[in-house]
């Protein structure tokens, strides 16, 4: 009986060993699966890091472009302000020239009126001188 018990115990141990082997095989398969997942996660993290670096580089570049736009916009604003100042000066000078032109026009009109008046006086004086000369001619010997 003891031999049967020992044989039975050995058979039970063999079955248990087979079951343990199957369990180790399953654990090994699961470990390989987990290792595969870890590898995929590591690769994904590397790709994400590379993508993050590219995004950061793009943002840095975009910030540089934005700064250039701000500088150029300030220059444009300064240019526009100078243009507005010059336009205001031109407008002021145009108004002065226009006022001077009006004064010149008024002076020309006054001169023309005075010229007409003087011309009329000269005509009247010429007529008077002709009359006087006519009267003087009567006294000539």
Protein backbone atom coordinates (compact mmCIF):
# COMPACT_ATOMS: atom_id res chain seq x y z
CA UNK A 1 0.00 0.00 0.00
CA UNK A 2 2.66 2.28 0.59
CA UNK A 3 3.88 1.81 -2.90
CA UNK A 4 0.49 2.75 -4.22
CA UNK A 5 0.41 5.77 -2.04
CA UNK A 6 3.85 6.76 -3.21
CA UNK A 7 2.88 6.08 -6.84
CA UNK A 8 -0.31 8.03 -6.34
CA UNK A 9 1.61 10.85 -4.73
CA UNK A 10 4.10 10.82 -7.62
CA UNK A 11 1.30 10.85 -10.16
CA UNK A 12 -0.34 13.72 -8.29
CA UNK A 13 3.00 15.53 -8.23
CA UNK A 14 3.47 14.93 -11.99
CA UNK A 15 -0.03 16.26 -12.67
CA UNK A 16 0.68 19.23 -10.42
CA UNK A 17 4.03 19.74 -12.18
CA UNK A 18 2.26 19.64 -15.56
CA UNK A 19 -0.30 22.13 -14.30
CA UNK A 20 2.50 24.30 -12.91
CA UNK A 21 4.28 24.11 -16.27
CA UNK A 22 1.07 25.18 -18.04
CA UNK A 23 0.71 28.02 -15.49
CA UNK A 24 4.32 29.09 -16.10
CA UNK A 25 3.68 28.97 -19.85
CA UNK A 26 0.62 31.22 -19.37
CA UNK A 27 2.61 33.56 -17.12
CA UNK A 28 5.44 33.63 -19.69
CA UNK A 29 2.91 34.46 -22.43
CA UNK A 30 1.40 37.20 -20.28
CA UNK A 31 4.87 38.56 -19.48
CA UNK A 32 5.65 38.65 -23.21
CA UNK A 33 2.35 40.45 -23.82
CA UNK A 34 3.14 42.97 -21.07
CA UNK A 35 6.66 43.38 -22.49
CA UNK A 36 5.12 44.05 -25.92
CA UNK A 37 2.76 46.62 -24.38
CA UNK A 38 5.68 48.23 -22.57
CA UNK A 39 7.60 48.42 -25.85
CA UNK A 40 4.61 49.96 -27.64
CA UNK A 41 4.12 52.46 -24.81
CA UNK A 42 7.85 53.33 -24.87
CA UNK A 43 7.69 53.85 -28.66
CA UNK A 44 4.53 55.91 -28.33
CA UNK A 45 6.13 58.02 -25.61
CA UNK A 46 9.20 58.56 -27.83
CA UNK A 47 6.96 59.61 -30.70
CA UNK A 48 4.97 61.85 -28.39
CA UNK A 49 8.21 63.41 -27.13
CA UNK A 50 9.37 64.00 -30.70
CA UNK A 51 5.97 65.48 -31.55
CA UNK A 52 6.08 67.68 -28.45
CA UNK A 53 9.55 68.90 -29.44
CA UNK A 54 8.28 69.74 -32.93
CA UNK A 55 5.24 71.53 -31.48
CA UNK A 56 7.53 73.48 -29.13
CA UNK A 57 9.83 74.39 -32.05
CA UNK A 58 6.80 75.51 -34.07
CA UNK A 59 5.48 77.60 -31.20
CA UNK A 60 8.94 79.16 -30.75
CA UNK A 61 9.07 79.93 -34.46
CA UNK A 62 5.53 81.32 -34.35
CA UNK A 63 6.49 83.54 -31.41
CA UNK A 64 9.44 84.84 -33.45
CA UNK A 65 7.19 85.62 -36.40
CA UNK A 66 4.68 87.29 -34.08
CA UNK A 67 7.45 89.44 -32.59
CA UNK A 68 8.59 90.43 -36.10
CA UNK A 69 5.01 91.34 -36.99
CA UNK A 70 4.75 93.47 -33.84
CA UNK A 71 8.02 95.27 -34.66
CA UNK A 72 6.95 95.85 -38.26
CA UNK A 73 3.51 97.03 -37.11
CA UNK A 74 5.20 99.56 -34.79
CA UNK A 75 7.33 100.77 -37.70
CA UNK A 76 4.24 101.04 -39.90
CA UNK A 77 2.41 102.93 -37.15
CA UNK A 78 5.34 105.34 -36.83
CA UNK A 79 5.36 105.77 -40.62
CA UNK A 80 1.62 106.42 -40.70
CA UNK A 81 1.94 108.93 -37.85
CA UNK A 82 4.70 110.75 -39.77
CA UNK A 83 2.53 110.68 -42.89
CA UNK A 84 -0.42 112.12 -40.96
CA UNK A 85 1.82 114.89 -39.54
CA UNK A 86 3.08 115.70 -43.03
CA UNK A 87 -0.47 115.68 -44.42
CA UNK A 88 -1.56 118.05 -41.64
CA UNK A 89 1.39 120.33 -42.45
CA UNK A 90 0.51 120.19 -46.14
CA UNK A 91 -3.11 121.01 -45.33
CA UNK A 92 -2.02 123.95 -43.16
CA UNK A 93 0.31 125.23 -45.89
CA UNK A 94 -2.43 124.77 -48.50
CA UNK A 95 -4.78 126.85 -46.38
CA UNK A 96 -2.13 129.58 -46.03
CA UNK A 97 -1.50 129.56 -49.79
CA UNK A 98 -5.24 129.69 -50.44
CA UNK A 99 -5.65 132.66 -48.07
CA UNK A 100 -2.69 134.41 -49.76
CA UNK A 101 -4.20 133.71 -53.19
CA UNK A 102 -7.51 135.25 -52.06
CA UNK A 103 -5.65 138.37 -50.82
CA UNK A 104 -3.76 138.57 -54.12
CA UNK A 105 -7.04 138.24 -56.03
CA UNK A 106 -8.59 141.01 -53.94
CA UNK A 107 -5.51 143.20 -54.47
CA UNK A 108 -5.64 142.57 -58.25
CA UNK A 109 -9.33 143.54 -58.28
CA UNK A 110 -8.55 146.72 -56.32
CA UNK A 111 -5.66 147.54 -58.67
CA UNK A 112 -7.90 146.97 -61.69
CA UNK A 113 -10.58 149.23 -60.20
CA UNK A 114 -7.96 151.89 -59.42
CA UNK A 115 -6.50 151.49 -62.91
CA UNK A 116 -9.95 152.04 -64.41
CA UNK A 117 -10.39 155.07 -62.18
CA UNK A 118 -6.96 156.45 -63.15
CA UNK A 119 -7.67 155.69 -66.83
CA UNK A 120 -10.93 157.58 -66.54
CA UNK A 121 -9.15 160.50 -64.84
CA UNK A 122 -6.46 160.50 -67.55
CA UNK A 123 -9.16 160.51 -70.21
CA UNK A 124 -10.95 163.38 -68.48
CA UNK A 125 -7.64 165.22 -68.04
CA UNK A 126 -6.74 164.64 -71.68
CA UNK A 127 -10.09 166.10 -72.70
CA UNK A 128 -9.56 169.02 -70.33
CA UNK A 129 -6.01 169.58 -71.64
CA UNK A 130 -7.31 169.46 -75.22
CA UNK A 131 -9.91 172.10 -74.31
CA UNK A 132 -7.33 174.22 -72.59
CA UNK A 133 -5.04 173.87 -75.64
CA UNK A 134 -7.96 174.86 -77.83
CA UNK A 135 -8.54 177.95 -75.71
CA UNK A 136 -4.82 178.76 -75.69
CA UNK A 137 -4.67 178.46 -79.47
CA UNK A 138 -7.14 181.29 -79.70
CA UNK A 139 -4.60 183.49 -77.99
CA UNK A 140 -1.71 182.66 -80.30
CA UNK A 141 -0.31 185.31 -82.44
